[in-house]
Amino acid sequence: MSEISLTEIEHRLIQAEENIKELFGKYNGIDKSLVATTTTLNSLLTLVGELKAAVEALRSRPAALWDRLLFAFIGAAVSTAVTLITGG
């Protein structure tokens, strides 16, 4: 078995430190990307909720229009009937 010299050990230690710094750099980059992605997803979820509420409001508008039209028709029919009954 060959012995490792002190210079080779120092070289390997320096290389290991550089590799560790590179790994920490990549980890920090991934961590920041994850935070940005989470923020973006939260914004998208909020937007989807707002769009869902807007679609529901638009979906209920025709029903409200038909209700008003029906009540107007019933009101006109009742007022016509009252006018005919009172002889006006």
C-alpha atoms as a PDB file:
ATOM      1  CA  MET A   1       0.000   0.000   0.000  1.00  0.00           C
ATOM      2  CA  SER A   2       1.410   3.361  -1.024  1.00  0.00           C
ATOM      3  CA  GLU A   3       1.480   6.195   1.422  1.00  0.00           C
ATOM      4  CA  ILE A   4      -0.269   9.455   0.625  1.00  0.00           C
ATOM      5  CA  SER A   5       1.880  12.538   0.842  1.00  0.00           C
ATOM      6  CA  LEU A   6       0.947  15.608   2.833  1.00  0.00           C
ATOM      7  CA  THR A   7       0.632  17.688  -0.362  1.00  0.00           C
ATOM      8  CA  GLU A   8      -1.785  15.173  -1.863  1.00  0.00           C
ATOM      9  CA  ILE A   9      -3.876  15.249   1.322  1.00  0.00           C
ATOM     10  CA  GLU A  10      -3.928  19.068   1.229  1.00  0.00           C
ATOM     11  CA  HIS A  11      -4.890  19.007  -2.458  1.00  0.00           C
ATOM     12  CA  ARG A  12      -7.732  16.555  -1.785  1.00  0.00           C
ATOM     13  CA  LEU A  13      -8.920  18.632   1.178  1.00  0.00           C
ATOM     14  CA  ILE A  14      -8.953  21.811  -0.921  1.00  0.00           C
ATOM     15  CA  GLN A  15     -10.859  19.963  -3.682  1.00  0.00           C
ATOM     16  CA  ALA A  16     -13.361  18.620  -1.137  1.00  0.00           C
ATOM     17  CA  GLU A  17     -13.921  22.122   0.271  1.00  0.00           C
ATOM     18  CA  GLU A  18     -14.541  23.476  -3.239  1.00  0.00           C
ATOM     19  CA  ASN A  19     -16.999  20.658  -3.928  1.00  0.00           C
ATOM     20  CA  ILE A  20     -18.827  21.366  -0.657  1.00  0.00           C
ATOM     21  CA  LYS A  21     -19.040  25.096  -1.469  1.00  0.00           C
ATOM     22  CA  GLU A  22     -20.418  24.237  -4.923  1.00  0.00           C
ATOM     23  CA  LEU A  23     -23.031  21.909  -3.403  1.00  0.00           C
ATOM     24  CA  PHE A  24     -24.100  24.540  -0.878  1.00  0.00           C
ATOM     25  CA  GLY A  25     -24.358  27.078  -3.715  1.00  0.00           C
ATOM     26  CA  LYS A  26     -26.580  24.752  -5.725  1.00  0.00           C
ATOM     27  CA  TYR A  27     -28.699  23.969  -2.657  1.00  0.00           C
ATOM     28  CA  ASN A  28     -29.211  27.665  -1.910  1.00  0.00           C
ATOM     29  CA  GLY A  29     -30.152  28.270  -5.550  1.00  0.00           C
ATOM     30  CA  ILE A  30     -32.696  25.454  -5.446  1.00  0.00           C
ATOM     31  CA  ASP A  31     -34.061  26.754  -2.148  1.00  0.00           C
ATOM     32  CA  LYS A  32     -34.555  30.240  -3.620  1.00  0.00           C
ATOM     33  CA  SER A  33     -36.184  28.749  -6.720  1.00  0.00           C
ATOM     34  CA  LEU A  34     -38.542  26.740  -4.528  1.00  0.00           C
ATOM     35  CA  VAL A  35     -39.594  29.873  -2.644  1.00  0.00           C
ATOM     36  CA  ALA A  36     -40.210  31.713  -5.929  1.00  0.00           C
ATOM     37  CA  THR A  37     -42.178  28.758  -7.310  1.00  0.00           C
ATOM     38  CA  THR A  38     -44.286  28.522  -4.164  1.00  0.00           C
ATOM     39  CA  THR A  39     -45.039  32.246  -4.314  1.00  0.00           C
ATOM     40  CA  THR A  40     -46.040  31.941  -7.975  1.00  0.00           C
ATOM     41  CA  LEU A  41     -48.282  28.944  -7.268  1.00  0.00           C
ATOM     42  CA  ASN A  42     -49.986  30.781  -4.405  1.00  0.00           C
ATOM     43  CA  SER A  43     -50.643  33.729  -6.720  1.00  0.00           C
ATOM     44  CA  LEU A  44     -52.052  31.398  -9.359  1.00  0.00           C
ATOM     45  CA  LEU A  45     -54.329  29.721  -6.808  1.00  0.00           C
ATOM     46  CA  THR A  46     -55.642  33.127  -5.736  1.00  0.00           C
ATOM     47  CA  LEU A  47     -56.232  34.069  -9.370  1.00  0.00           C
ATOM     48  CA  VAL A  48     -58.050  30.794 -10.068  1.00  0.00           C
ATOM     49  CA  GLY A  49     -60.292  31.446  -7.063  1.00  0.00           C
ATOM     50  CA  GLU A  50     -61.117  34.929  -8.368  1.00  0.00           C
ATOM     51  CA  LEU A  51     -61.822  33.554 -11.850  1.00  0.00           C
ATOM     52  CA  LYS A  52     -64.085  30.884 -10.386  1.00  0.00           C
ATOM     53  CA  ALA A  53     -66.058  33.519  -8.484  1.00  0.00           C
ATOM     54  CA  ALA A  54     -66.347  35.658 -11.640  1.00  0.00           C
ATOM     55  CA  VAL A  55     -67.596  32.683 -13.679  1.00  0.00           C
ATOM     56  CA  GLU A  56     -70.173  31.864 -11.021  1.00  0.00           C
ATOM     57  CA  ALA A  57     -71.377  35.489 -11.052  1.00  0.00           C
ATOM     58  CA  LEU A  58     -71.675  35.428 -14.842  1.00  0.00           C
ATOM     59  CA  ARG A  59     -73.465  32.098 -14.702  1.00  0.00           C
ATOM     60  CA  SER A  60     -76.096  33.473 -12.294  1.00  0.00           C
ATOM     61  CA  ARG A  61     -76.769  36.640 -14.341  1.00  0.00           C
ATOM     62  CA  PRO A  62     -79.096  35.035 -16.938  1.00  0.00           C
ATOM     63  CA  ALA A  63     -81.164  33.463 -14.153  1.00  0.00           C
ATOM     64  CA  ALA A  64     -81.523  36.846 -12.460  1.00  0.00           C
ATOM     65  CA  LEU A  65     -82.558  38.402 -15.784  1.00  0.00           C
ATOM     66  CA  TRP A  66     -85.221  35.752 -16.354  1.00  0.00           C
ATOM     67  CA  ASP A  67     -86.499  36.228 -12.802  1.00  0.00           C
ATOM     68  CA  ARG A  68     -86.909  39.983 -13.345  1.00  0.00           C
ATOM     69  CA  LEU A  69     -88.611  39.387 -16.690  1.00  0.00           C
ATOM     70  CA  LEU A  70     -90.999  36.854 -15.151  1.00  0.00           C
ATOM     71  CA  PHE A  71     -91.893  39.192 -12.250  1.00  0.00           C
ATOM     72  CA  ALA A  72     -92.462  42.061 -14.697  1.00  0.00           C
ATOM     73  CA  PHE A  73     -94.759  39.840 -16.786  1.00  0.00           C
ATOM     74  CA  ILE A  74     -96.683  38.701 -13.706  1.00  0.00           C
ATOM     75  CA  GLY A  75     -96.971  42.314 -12.514  1.00  0.00           C
ATOM     76  CA  ALA A  76     -98.298  43.410 -15.910  1.00  0.00           C
ATOM     77  CA  ALA A  77    -100.788  40.529 -15.979  1.00  0.00           C
ATOM     78  CA  VAL A  78    -102.012  41.310 -12.457  1.00  0.00           C
ATOM     79  CA  SER A  79    -102.352  45.009 -13.192  1.00  0.00           C
ATOM     80  CA  THR A  80    -104.236  44.206 -16.437  1.00  0.00           C
ATOM     81  CA  ALA A  81    -106.562  41.872 -14.529  1.00  0.00           C
ATOM     82  CA  VAL A  82    -107.165  44.497 -11.822  1.00  0.00           C
ATOM     83  CA  THR A  83    -107.885  47.126 -14.480  1.00  0.00           C
ATOM     84  CA  LEU A  84    -110.351  44.834 -16.259  1.00  0.00           C
ATOM     85  CA  ILE A  85    -112.073  43.830 -13.000  1.00  0.00           C
ATOM     86  CA  THR A  86    -112.449  47.411 -11.774  1.00  0.00           C
ATOM     87  CA  GLY A  87    -113.758  48.471 -15.166  1.00  0.00           C
ATOM     88  CA  GLY A  88    -111.018  51.029 -15.684  1.00  0.00           C
END
